[in-house]
Amino acid sequence: MADAPENGAPEEAVVDATAVEEEPQAPAADQAAGEAAPPGAGGEAPGAPEDEPDYKDQWMRAVAELDNVRKRSRRDAAVAEQRGIARLAREQLPALDNLDRAIESAREQGAPDDFVNGLALVRSELIAAFERVGIVAYSPQGEPFDPHVHEAIAQQPAEGVASGTVIEVYQSGYRLGDEILRAAKVVVSA
């Protein structure tokens, strides 16, 4: 009795049930293998191009996607580099301002020329390093006031100058391309 299935039915009954389920599928398989359907009968002829995947189209799409990924990664790397340069420059600008103050103070107090020249050399090297990465100073003396690139710290009446014109620059501004790293601090005519 070890050969009998668990539900108590004889083994032959189980085999017959599976054979009955497979019988309706057999004629359909014979028809497909034996004779092809006529072209107008709604079926496709064997080997039709629509049945096969379009490998050339898939390849072209994959190549285009790879090209887009490369372009996007280059663009993202350039943006990240510019952000890093701008961040470092913003951290260095106060040191440059202090160096300018040190040079001015040394000149006023009569420090030896070699000392003042050494400070000026360090300043010029720092400015040259900024320029190599695209950071430039700007002084808007005589330009119309623009709140996007200038920071007005005072307003004074001035003769012979149109109202809203920068008449004095207290601190130079710096920009990296189109990005303002630090707005120029200016006095504007009233």
N, C-alpha and C. Protein backbone atom coordinates (compact mmCIF):
# COMPACT_ATOMS: atom_id res chain seq x y z
N MET A 1 0.81 -1.18 0.00
CA MET A 1 0.00 0.00 0.00
C MET A 1 0.86 1.24 0.00
N ALA A 2 2.12 1.12 -0.06
CA ALA A 2 2.99 2.26 -0.04
C ALA A 2 2.90 3.05 -1.33
N ASP A 3 2.46 2.38 -2.43
CA ASP A 3 2.39 3.06 -3.71
C ASP A 3 1.12 3.88 -3.89
N ALA A 4 0.15 3.75 -3.04
CA ALA A 4 -1.12 4.47 -3.20
C ALA A 4 -0.96 5.91 -2.77
N PRO A 5 -1.61 6.83 -3.47
CA PRO A 5 -1.54 8.24 -3.09
C PRO A 5 -2.21 8.48 -1.75
N GLU A 6 -1.96 9.62 -1.18
CA GLU A 6 -2.46 9.95 0.16
C GLU A 6 -3.98 10.06 0.21
N ASN A 7 -4.64 10.48 -0.84
CA ASN A 7 -6.09 10.67 -0.78
C ASN A 7 -6.86 9.36 -0.89
N GLY A 8 -6.17 8.26 -1.04
CA GLY A 8 -6.83 6.96 -1.05
C GLY A 8 -7.24 6.50 -2.43
N ALA A 9 -7.12 7.27 -3.47
CA ALA A 9 -7.48 6.87 -4.82
C ALA A 9 -6.37 6.02 -5.41
N PRO A 10 -6.71 5.08 -6.27
CA PRO A 10 -5.67 4.26 -6.87
C PRO A 10 -4.77 5.12 -7.77
N GLU A 11 -3.57 4.67 -7.98
CA GLU A 11 -2.58 5.42 -8.76
C GLU A 11 -3.02 5.60 -10.21
N GLU A 12 -3.71 4.63 -10.76
CA GLU A 12 -4.15 4.72 -12.14
C GLU A 12 -5.09 5.89 -12.36
N ALA A 13 -5.92 6.19 -11.36
CA ALA A 13 -6.88 7.29 -11.49
C ALA A 13 -6.14 8.62 -11.57
N VAL A 14 -5.07 8.77 -10.85
CA VAL A 14 -4.29 10.00 -10.86
C VAL A 14 -3.63 10.17 -12.22
N VAL A 15 -3.09 9.12 -12.77
CA VAL A 15 -2.44 9.19 -14.07
C VAL A 15 -3.46 9.54 -15.15
N ASP A 16 -4.65 8.94 -15.09
CA ASP A 16 -5.68 9.22 -16.08
C ASP A 16 -6.13 10.67 -16.02
N ALA A 17 -6.18 11.28 -14.82
CA ALA A 17 -6.61 12.67 -14.69
C ALA A 17 -5.62 13.61 -15.37
N THR A 18 -4.35 13.37 -15.25
CA THR A 18 -3.36 14.22 -15.91
C THR A 18 -3.40 14.03 -17.41
N ALA A 19 -3.65 12.82 -17.87
CA ALA A 19 -3.74 12.57 -19.30
C ALA A 19 -4.94 13.30 -19.90
N VAL A 20 -6.03 13.35 -19.15
CA VAL A 20 -7.24 14.04 -19.63
C VAL A 20 -6.98 15.53 -19.75
N GLU A 21 -6.22 16.11 -18.80
CA GLU A 21 -5.93 17.54 -18.85
C GLU A 21 -5.04 17.88 -20.04
N GLU A 22 -4.14 17.00 -20.43
CA GLU A 22 -3.22 17.28 -21.51
C GLU A 22 -3.84 17.06 -22.89
N GLU A 23 -4.90 16.29 -23.01
CA GLU A 23 -5.48 15.97 -24.30
C GLU A 23 -5.94 17.21 -25.08
N PRO A 24 -6.60 18.24 -24.48
CA PRO A 24 -7.03 19.36 -25.30
C PRO A 24 -5.87 20.15 -25.88
N GLN A 25 -4.72 20.11 -25.26
CA GLN A 25 -3.59 20.87 -25.76
C GLN A 25 -2.92 20.17 -26.93
N ALA A 26 -3.01 18.90 -27.03
CA ALA A 26 -2.31 18.14 -28.07
C ALA A 26 -2.76 18.53 -29.48
N PRO A 27 -4.07 18.68 -29.78
CA PRO A 27 -4.44 19.02 -31.15
C PRO A 27 -3.91 20.40 -31.57
N ALA A 28 -3.86 21.37 -30.67
CA ALA A 28 -3.37 22.70 -31.02
C ALA A 28 -1.88 22.64 -31.38
N ALA A 29 -1.15 21.83 -30.66
CA ALA A 29 0.28 21.69 -30.95
C ALA A 29 0.48 21.01 -32.29
N ASP A 30 -0.38 20.01 -32.62
CA ASP A 30 -0.28 19.32 -33.90
C ASP A 30 -0.58 20.27 -35.05
N GLN A 31 -1.55 21.15 -34.86
CA GLN A 31 -1.91 22.08 -35.93
C GLN A 31 -0.75 23.05 -36.20
N ALA A 32 -0.12 23.57 -35.15
CA ALA A 32 0.97 24.51 -35.33
C ALA A 32 2.17 23.84 -35.99
N ALA A 33 2.43 22.57 -35.63
CA ALA A 33 3.58 21.88 -36.18
C ALA A 33 3.30 21.35 -37.58
N GLY A 34 2.08 20.93 -37.83
CA GLY A 34 1.75 20.29 -39.09
C GLY A 34 1.57 21.24 -40.24
N GLU A 35 0.77 22.22 -40.11
CA GLU A 35 0.52 23.13 -41.22
C GLU A 35 0.42 24.56 -40.72
N ALA A 36 0.91 25.47 -41.49
CA ALA A 36 0.88 26.89 -41.13
C ALA A 36 -0.46 27.46 -41.54
N ALA A 37 -0.92 28.44 -40.77
CA ALA A 37 -2.19 29.10 -41.09
C ALA A 37 -1.99 29.96 -42.32
N PRO A 38 -3.01 30.13 -43.15
CA PRO A 38 -2.86 30.98 -44.32
C PRO A 38 -2.58 32.42 -43.88
N PRO A 39 -1.88 33.23 -44.71
CA PRO A 39 -1.50 34.58 -44.33
C PRO A 39 -2.68 35.44 -43.93
N GLY A 40 -3.82 35.30 -44.52
CA GLY A 40 -4.98 36.13 -44.18
C GLY A 40 -5.81 35.57 -43.05
N ALA A 41 -5.43 34.44 -42.44
CA ALA A 41 -6.25 33.79 -41.43
C ALA A 41 -6.07 34.38 -40.04
N GLY A 42 -5.31 35.45 -39.86
CA GLY A 42 -5.16 36.09 -38.56
C GLY A 42 -3.90 35.67 -37.83
N GLY A 43 -3.29 34.59 -38.19
CA GLY A 43 -2.06 34.17 -37.55
C GLY A 43 -0.87 34.73 -38.30
N GLU A 44 0.23 34.80 -37.66
CA GLU A 44 1.46 35.30 -38.30
C GLU A 44 2.22 34.13 -38.88
N ALA A 45 2.90 34.36 -39.97
CA ALA A 45 3.73 33.34 -40.57
C ALA A 45 4.94 33.10 -39.68
N PRO A 46 5.42 31.85 -39.63
CA PRO A 46 6.59 31.60 -38.78
C PRO A 46 7.79 32.42 -39.27
N GLY A 47 8.55 32.94 -38.31
CA GLY A 47 9.75 33.70 -38.64
C GLY A 47 9.45 35.14 -39.01
N ALA A 48 8.29 35.67 -38.66
CA ALA A 48 7.96 37.06 -38.98
C ALA A 48 8.84 37.98 -38.15
N PRO A 49 9.25 39.13 -38.68
CA PRO A 49 10.15 40.04 -37.96
C PRO A 49 9.53 40.57 -36.66
N GLU A 50 8.20 40.62 -36.57
CA GLU A 50 7.58 41.14 -35.35
C GLU A 50 7.76 40.20 -34.16
N ASP A 51 7.99 38.90 -34.47
CA ASP A 51 8.16 37.92 -33.40
C ASP A 51 9.54 38.03 -32.75
N GLU A 52 10.53 38.49 -33.47
CA GLU A 52 11.89 38.58 -32.96
C GLU A 52 12.14 39.94 -32.33
N PRO A 53 12.89 40.01 -31.25
CA PRO A 53 13.22 41.31 -30.68
C PRO A 53 14.10 42.11 -31.63
N ASP A 54 13.93 43.41 -31.63
CA ASP A 54 14.71 44.28 -32.51
C ASP A 54 16.02 44.62 -31.79
N TYR A 55 17.02 43.80 -32.01
CA TYR A 55 18.29 43.97 -31.31
C TYR A 55 19.00 45.26 -31.69
N LYS A 56 18.89 45.67 -32.93
CA LYS A 56 19.54 46.90 -33.36
C LYS A 56 18.94 48.10 -32.64
N ASP A 57 17.62 48.13 -32.52
CA ASP A 57 16.95 49.23 -31.81
C ASP A 57 17.35 49.23 -30.34
N GLN A 58 17.38 48.05 -29.73
CA GLN A 58 17.78 47.96 -28.32
C GLN A 58 19.22 48.42 -28.13
N TRP A 59 20.09 48.03 -29.06
CA TRP A 59 21.49 48.43 -28.98
C TRP A 59 21.62 49.95 -29.10
N MET A 60 20.89 50.54 -30.07
CA MET A 60 20.97 51.99 -30.25
C MET A 60 20.44 52.73 -29.02
N ARG A 61 19.41 52.22 -28.43
CA ARG A 61 18.87 52.85 -27.20
C ARG A 61 19.87 52.74 -26.05
N ALA A 62 20.52 51.60 -25.94
CA ALA A 62 21.51 51.41 -24.87
C ALA A 62 22.70 52.35 -25.07
N VAL A 63 23.15 52.50 -26.31
CA VAL A 63 24.27 53.40 -26.60
C VAL A 63 23.88 54.84 -26.28
N ALA A 64 22.67 55.24 -26.65
CA ALA A 64 22.21 56.61 -26.37
C ALA A 64 22.10 56.84 -24.87
N GLU A 65 21.60 55.85 -24.13
CA GLU A 65 21.49 55.99 -22.68
C GLU A 65 22.88 56.10 -22.04
N LEU A 66 23.82 55.31 -22.51
CA LEU A 66 25.19 55.38 -22.00
C LEU A 66 25.79 56.75 -22.28
N ASP A 67 25.56 57.29 -23.46
CA ASP A 67 26.06 58.62 -23.81
C ASP A 67 25.44 59.68 -22.89
N ASN A 68 24.15 59.56 -22.62
CA ASN A 68 23.49 60.51 -21.71
C ASN A 68 24.05 60.42 -20.30
N VAL A 69 24.33 59.21 -19.84
CA VAL A 69 24.90 59.03 -18.50
C VAL A 69 26.29 59.68 -18.43
N ARG A 70 27.08 59.49 -19.47
CA ARG A 70 28.42 60.10 -19.50
C ARG A 70 28.33 61.63 -19.46
N LYS A 71 27.44 62.19 -20.28
CA LYS A 71 27.29 63.65 -20.30
C LYS A 71 26.82 64.16 -18.95
N ARG A 72 25.85 63.47 -18.36
CA ARG A 72 25.33 63.89 -17.07
C ARG A 72 26.41 63.83 -15.99
N SER A 73 27.23 62.78 -16.02
CA SER A 73 28.28 62.66 -14.99
C SER A 73 29.34 63.73 -15.18
N ARG A 74 29.68 64.05 -16.44
CA ARG A 74 30.65 65.15 -16.67
C ARG A 74 30.09 66.47 -16.17
N ARG A 75 28.82 66.74 -16.47
CA ARG A 75 28.20 67.99 -16.04
C ARG A 75 28.13 68.06 -14.51
N ASP A 76 27.76 66.95 -13.87
CA ASP A 76 27.69 66.93 -12.41
C ASP A 76 29.07 67.13 -11.78
N ALA A 77 30.10 66.55 -12.39
CA ALA A 77 31.46 66.72 -11.87
C ALA A 77 31.92 68.17 -12.01
N ALA A 78 31.58 68.81 -13.13
CA ALA A 78 31.97 70.21 -13.32
C ALA A 78 31.25 71.12 -12.32
N VAL A 79 29.98 70.84 -12.07
CA VAL A 79 29.22 71.64 -11.11
C VAL A 79 29.80 71.45 -9.70
N ALA A 80 30.13 70.23 -9.36
CA ALA A 80 30.71 69.95 -8.04
C ALA A 80 32.07 70.64 -7.89
N GLU A 81 32.85 70.65 -8.96
CA GLU A 81 34.16 71.33 -8.92
C GLU A 81 33.96 72.83 -8.69
N GLN A 82 33.02 73.44 -9.41
CA GLN A 82 32.77 74.87 -9.24
C GLN A 82 32.30 75.18 -7.82
N ARG A 83 31.43 74.32 -7.27
CA ARG A 83 30.98 74.52 -5.89
C ARG A 83 32.14 74.46 -4.91
N GLY A 84 33.05 73.51 -5.13
CA GLY A 84 34.21 73.38 -4.25
C GLY A 84 35.12 74.59 -4.33
N ILE A 85 35.34 75.08 -5.55
CA ILE A 85 36.18 76.26 -5.73
C ILE A 85 35.54 77.46 -5.05
N ALA A 86 34.24 77.64 -5.25
CA ALA A 86 33.54 78.77 -4.65
C ALA A 86 33.58 78.70 -3.12
N ARG A 87 33.40 77.51 -2.58
CA ARG A 87 33.41 77.36 -1.12
C ARG A 87 34.79 77.70 -0.54
N LEU A 88 35.83 77.20 -1.19
CA LEU A 88 37.19 77.50 -0.72
C LEU A 88 37.49 78.98 -0.84
N ALA A 89 37.08 79.59 -1.94
CA ALA A 89 37.33 81.02 -2.13
C ALA A 89 36.63 81.85 -1.06
N ARG A 90 35.39 81.50 -0.74
CA ARG A 90 34.66 82.24 0.30
C ARG A 90 35.39 82.16 1.64
N GLU A 91 36.04 81.04 1.90
CA GLU A 91 36.80 80.88 3.14
C GLU A 91 38.10 81.67 3.10
N GLN A 92 38.68 81.87 1.92
CA GLN A 92 39.96 82.55 1.79
C GLN A 92 39.84 84.07 1.67
N LEU A 93 38.68 84.58 1.26
CA LEU A 93 38.52 86.02 1.06
C LEU A 93 38.78 86.84 2.34
N PRO A 94 38.31 86.41 3.51
CA PRO A 94 38.66 87.18 4.72
C PRO A 94 40.16 87.23 4.99
N ALA A 95 40.87 86.15 4.68
CA ALA A 95 42.33 86.15 4.85
C ALA A 95 42.98 87.15 3.89
N LEU A 96 42.46 87.24 2.67
CA LEU A 96 42.97 88.21 1.71
C LEU A 96 42.71 89.64 2.20
N ASP A 97 41.53 89.87 2.75
CA ASP A 97 41.21 91.19 3.31
C ASP A 97 42.17 91.55 4.45
N ASN A 98 42.45 90.59 5.31
CA ASN A 98 43.38 90.83 6.42
C ASN A 98 44.79 91.09 5.91
N LEU A 99 45.18 90.44 4.85
CA LEU A 99 46.48 90.68 4.26
C LEU A 99 46.56 92.10 3.71
N ASP A 100 45.48 92.56 3.06
CA ASP A 100 45.44 93.94 2.57
C ASP A 100 45.57 94.94 3.74
N ARG A 101 44.88 94.65 4.84
CA ARG A 101 44.97 95.53 6.02
C ARG A 101 46.37 95.53 6.60
N ALA A 102 47.02 94.37 6.61
CA ALA A 102 48.38 94.26 7.13
C ALA A 102 49.35 95.07 6.27
N ILE A 103 49.19 95.02 4.97
CA ILE A 103 50.06 95.79 4.07
C ILE A 103 49.85 97.28 4.31
N GLU A 104 48.61 97.71 4.40
CA GLU A 104 48.31 99.13 4.63
C GLU A 104 48.85 99.59 5.98
N SER A 105 48.68 98.79 6.99
CA SER A 105 49.18 99.14 8.33
C SER A 105 50.71 99.20 8.34
N ALA A 106 51.36 98.26 7.69
CA ALA A 106 52.83 98.26 7.66
C ALA A 106 53.35 99.50 6.95
N ARG A 107 52.69 99.94 5.90
CA ARG A 107 53.11 101.15 5.20
C ARG A 107 52.92 102.38 6.08
N GLU A 108 51.79 102.45 6.78
CA GLU A 108 51.51 103.61 7.64
C GLU A 108 52.48 103.70 8.80
N GLN A 109 52.91 102.58 9.33
CA GLN A 109 53.79 102.58 10.49
C GLN A 109 55.27 102.60 10.11
N GLY A 110 55.57 102.70 8.83
CA GLY A 110 56.96 102.83 8.39
C GLY A 110 57.75 101.55 8.48
N ALA A 111 57.12 100.41 8.26
CA ALA A 111 57.83 99.13 8.29
C ALA A 111 58.86 99.10 7.16
N PRO A 112 59.89 98.29 7.31
CA PRO A 112 60.91 98.19 6.25
C PRO A 112 60.26 97.80 4.91
N ASP A 113 60.82 98.33 3.85
CA ASP A 113 60.28 98.07 2.51
C ASP A 113 60.30 96.58 2.15
N ASP A 114 61.33 95.87 2.60
CA ASP A 114 61.39 94.43 2.30
C ASP A 114 60.21 93.69 2.91
N PHE A 115 59.82 94.08 4.12
CA PHE A 115 58.69 93.44 4.78
C PHE A 115 57.39 93.73 4.02
N VAL A 116 57.17 94.99 3.67
CA VAL A 116 55.97 95.38 2.94
C VAL A 116 55.94 94.70 1.56
N ASN A 117 57.10 94.66 0.90
CA ASN A 117 57.18 94.01 -0.41
C ASN A 117 56.90 92.50 -0.31
N GLY A 118 57.36 91.89 0.76
CA GLY A 118 57.09 90.46 0.98
C GLY A 118 55.60 90.19 1.15
N LEU A 119 54.92 91.05 1.94
CA LEU A 119 53.47 90.91 2.10
C LEU A 119 52.74 91.14 0.77
N ALA A 120 53.21 92.11 0.01
CA ALA A 120 52.59 92.39 -1.29
C ALA A 120 52.80 91.22 -2.26
N LEU A 121 53.94 90.57 -2.18
CA LEU A 121 54.21 89.41 -3.03
C LEU A 121 53.26 88.26 -2.68
N VAL A 122 53.07 88.01 -1.39
CA VAL A 122 52.14 86.96 -0.97
C VAL A 122 50.73 87.28 -1.47
N ARG A 123 50.34 88.55 -1.36
CA ARG A 123 49.02 88.97 -1.83
C ARG A 123 48.87 88.75 -3.34
N SER A 124 49.89 89.12 -4.10
CA SER A 124 49.82 88.96 -5.56
C SER A 124 49.76 87.48 -5.96
N GLU A 125 50.45 86.61 -5.23
CA GLU A 125 50.39 85.17 -5.52
C GLU A 125 49.00 84.62 -5.22
N LEU A 126 48.38 85.09 -4.14
CA LEU A 126 47.03 84.64 -3.80
C LEU A 126 46.02 85.11 -4.86
N ILE A 127 46.15 86.36 -5.29
CA ILE A 127 45.27 86.88 -6.35
C ILE A 127 45.48 86.09 -7.65
N ALA A 128 46.74 85.77 -7.98
CA ALA A 128 47.03 85.00 -9.20
C ALA A 128 46.42 83.60 -9.11
N ALA A 129 46.46 82.99 -7.94
CA ALA A 129 45.85 81.66 -7.76
C ALA A 129 44.33 81.75 -7.95
N PHE A 130 43.71 82.80 -7.43
CA PHE A 130 42.27 83.00 -7.64
C PHE A 130 41.96 83.14 -9.13
N GLU A 131 42.76 83.91 -9.83
CA GLU A 131 42.51 84.14 -11.25
C GLU A 131 42.69 82.88 -12.08
N ARG A 132 43.62 82.01 -11.68
CA ARG A 132 43.83 80.76 -12.42
C ARG A 132 42.61 79.86 -12.38
N VAL A 133 41.83 79.93 -11.32
CA VAL A 133 40.61 79.10 -11.23
C VAL A 133 39.37 79.87 -11.65
N GLY A 134 39.55 81.12 -12.11
CA GLY A 134 38.42 81.87 -12.65
C GLY A 134 37.79 82.87 -11.71
N ILE A 135 38.39 83.13 -10.56
CA ILE A 135 37.85 84.09 -9.60
C ILE A 135 38.46 85.45 -9.89
N VAL A 136 37.60 86.44 -10.09
CA VAL A 136 38.09 87.78 -10.38
C VAL A 136 37.46 88.78 -9.42
N ALA A 137 38.27 89.79 -9.07
CA ALA A 137 37.78 90.89 -8.24
C ALA A 137 37.13 91.92 -9.14
N TYR A 138 36.15 92.62 -8.61
CA TYR A 138 35.56 93.71 -9.38
C TYR A 138 35.32 94.89 -8.45
N SER A 139 35.51 96.07 -9.01
CA SER A 139 35.31 97.31 -8.29
C SER A 139 34.34 98.16 -9.11
N PRO A 140 33.11 98.33 -8.64
CA PRO A 140 32.07 98.97 -9.45
C PRO A 140 32.04 100.50 -9.36
N GLN A 141 33.17 101.13 -9.17
CA GLN A 141 33.23 102.59 -9.06
C GLN A 141 32.60 103.24 -10.29
N GLY A 142 31.62 104.13 -10.08
CA GLY A 142 30.98 104.86 -11.16
C GLY A 142 29.85 104.12 -11.86
N GLU A 143 29.60 102.86 -11.51
CA GLU A 143 28.52 102.09 -12.12
C GLU A 143 27.20 102.35 -11.40
N PRO A 144 26.08 102.11 -12.06
CA PRO A 144 24.79 102.20 -11.35
C PRO A 144 24.70 101.10 -10.29
N PHE A 145 24.07 101.41 -9.18
CA PHE A 145 23.93 100.45 -8.09
C PHE A 145 23.03 99.30 -8.51
N ASP A 146 23.49 98.07 -8.27
CA ASP A 146 22.72 96.86 -8.55
C ASP A 146 22.72 96.02 -7.27
N PRO A 147 21.57 95.86 -6.63
CA PRO A 147 21.54 95.13 -5.36
C PRO A 147 21.93 93.66 -5.48
N HIS A 148 21.96 93.11 -6.67
CA HIS A 148 22.35 91.71 -6.85
C HIS A 148 23.86 91.52 -6.77
N VAL A 149 24.62 92.56 -7.07
CA VAL A 149 26.08 92.44 -7.06
C VAL A 149 26.77 93.45 -6.15
N HIS A 150 26.02 94.38 -5.58
CA HIS A 150 26.59 95.39 -4.67
C HIS A 150 25.86 95.35 -3.34
N GLU A 151 26.59 95.68 -2.31
CA GLU A 151 26.00 95.82 -0.98
C GLU A 151 26.21 97.27 -0.54
N ALA A 152 25.11 98.02 -0.46
CA ALA A 152 25.21 99.44 -0.09
C ALA A 152 25.37 99.53 1.43
N ILE A 153 26.44 100.19 1.86
CA ILE A 153 26.65 100.36 3.30
C ILE A 153 26.35 101.80 3.72
N ALA A 154 26.25 102.69 2.74
CA ALA A 154 25.92 104.09 3.05
C ALA A 154 25.39 104.75 1.78
N GLN A 155 24.70 105.87 2.02
CA GLN A 155 24.20 106.67 0.90
C GLN A 155 24.54 108.12 1.20
N GLN A 156 25.19 108.78 0.24
CA GLN A 156 25.63 110.16 0.44
C GLN A 156 25.22 111.01 -0.75
N PRO A 157 24.92 112.28 -0.48
CA PRO A 157 24.67 113.18 -1.62
C PRO A 157 26.00 113.50 -2.30
N ALA A 158 25.97 113.54 -3.61
CA ALA A 158 27.19 113.84 -4.38
C ALA A 158 26.82 114.74 -5.53
N GLU A 159 27.62 115.80 -5.73
CA GLU A 159 27.35 116.75 -6.80
C GLU A 159 27.88 116.21 -8.12
N GLY A 160 27.13 116.42 -9.17
CA GLY A 160 27.55 116.03 -10.50
C GLY A 160 27.44 114.53 -10.77
N VAL A 161 26.81 113.79 -9.89
CA VAL A 161 26.68 112.34 -10.06
C VAL A 161 25.20 111.99 -9.98
N ALA A 162 24.74 111.17 -10.88
CA ALA A 162 23.33 110.76 -10.89
C ALA A 162 23.01 109.95 -9.63
N SER A 163 21.79 110.09 -9.17
CA SER A 163 21.34 109.35 -7.99
C SER A 163 21.39 107.84 -8.29
N GLY A 164 21.83 107.06 -7.31
CA GLY A 164 21.91 105.61 -7.48
C GLY A 164 23.19 105.12 -8.11
N THR A 165 24.22 105.99 -8.15
CA THR A 165 25.52 105.62 -8.72
C THR A 165 26.50 105.29 -7.60
N VAL A 166 27.33 104.30 -7.81
CA VAL A 166 28.36 103.94 -6.82
C VAL A 166 29.43 105.01 -6.86
N ILE A 167 29.64 105.69 -5.70
CA ILE A 167 30.64 106.76 -5.66
C ILE A 167 31.91 106.35 -4.91
N GLU A 168 31.82 105.29 -4.12
CA GLU A 168 33.01 104.83 -3.39
C GLU A 168 32.87 103.33 -3.13
N VAL A 169 34.00 102.63 -3.21
CA VAL A 169 34.02 101.19 -2.96
C VAL A 169 34.85 100.95 -1.69
N TYR A 170 34.20 100.42 -0.65
CA TYR A 170 34.91 100.11 0.60
C TYR A 170 35.61 98.76 0.52
N GLN A 171 34.97 97.81 -0.13
CA GLN A 171 35.54 96.46 -0.22
C GLN A 171 35.19 95.89 -1.60
N SER A 172 36.20 95.41 -2.31
CA SER A 172 35.97 94.85 -3.64
C SER A 172 35.10 93.61 -3.55
N GLY A 173 34.37 93.36 -4.63
CA GLY A 173 33.58 92.14 -4.73
C GLY A 173 34.36 91.10 -5.52
N TYR A 174 33.93 89.85 -5.41
CA TYR A 174 34.58 88.75 -6.14
C TYR A 174 33.50 87.90 -6.78
N ARG A 175 33.80 87.44 -8.00
CA ARG A 175 32.87 86.56 -8.70
C ARG A 175 33.62 85.42 -9.36
N LEU A 176 32.90 84.33 -9.51
CA LEU A 176 33.40 83.14 -10.20
C LEU A 176 32.44 82.88 -11.34
N GLY A 177 32.83 83.28 -12.53
CA GLY A 177 31.91 83.21 -13.67
C GLY A 177 30.76 84.17 -13.44
N ASP A 178 29.55 83.65 -13.45
CA ASP A 178 28.37 84.48 -13.21
C ASP A 178 27.98 84.52 -11.74
N GLU A 179 28.60 83.68 -10.91
CA GLU A 179 28.25 83.60 -9.50
C GLU A 179 29.00 84.65 -8.69
N ILE A 180 28.26 85.38 -7.88
CA ILE A 180 28.86 86.38 -6.99
C ILE A 180 29.31 85.66 -5.72
N LEU A 181 30.62 85.66 -5.47
CA LEU A 181 31.14 85.05 -4.25
C LEU A 181 30.99 85.99 -3.08
N ARG A 182 31.25 87.28 -3.34
CA ARG A 182 31.06 88.30 -2.33
C ARG A 182 30.69 89.59 -3.02
N ALA A 183 29.61 90.21 -2.56
CA ALA A 183 29.17 91.48 -3.15
C ALA A 183 30.12 92.59 -2.73
N ALA A 184 30.33 93.53 -3.63
CA ALA A 184 31.18 94.68 -3.33
C ALA A 184 30.44 95.60 -2.35
N LYS A 185 31.13 96.05 -1.33
CA LYS A 185 30.55 96.97 -0.35
C LYS A 185 30.81 98.39 -0.82
N VAL A 186 29.72 99.12 -1.04
CA VAL A 186 29.83 100.41 -1.73
C VAL A 186 29.03 101.52 -1.02
N VAL A 187 29.39 102.77 -1.39
CA VAL A 187 28.62 103.95 -0.99
C VAL A 187 27.91 104.42 -2.25
N VAL A 188 26.62 104.71 -2.11
CA VAL A 188 25.79 105.07 -3.26
C VAL A 188 25.40 106.55 -3.15
N SER A 189 25.37 107.23 -4.29
CA SER A 189 24.95 108.65 -4.29
C SER A 189 23.45 108.74 -4.07
N ALA A 190 23.07 109.82 -3.33
CA ALA A 190 21.65 110.01 -3.03
C ALA A 190 20.98 110.86 -4.10
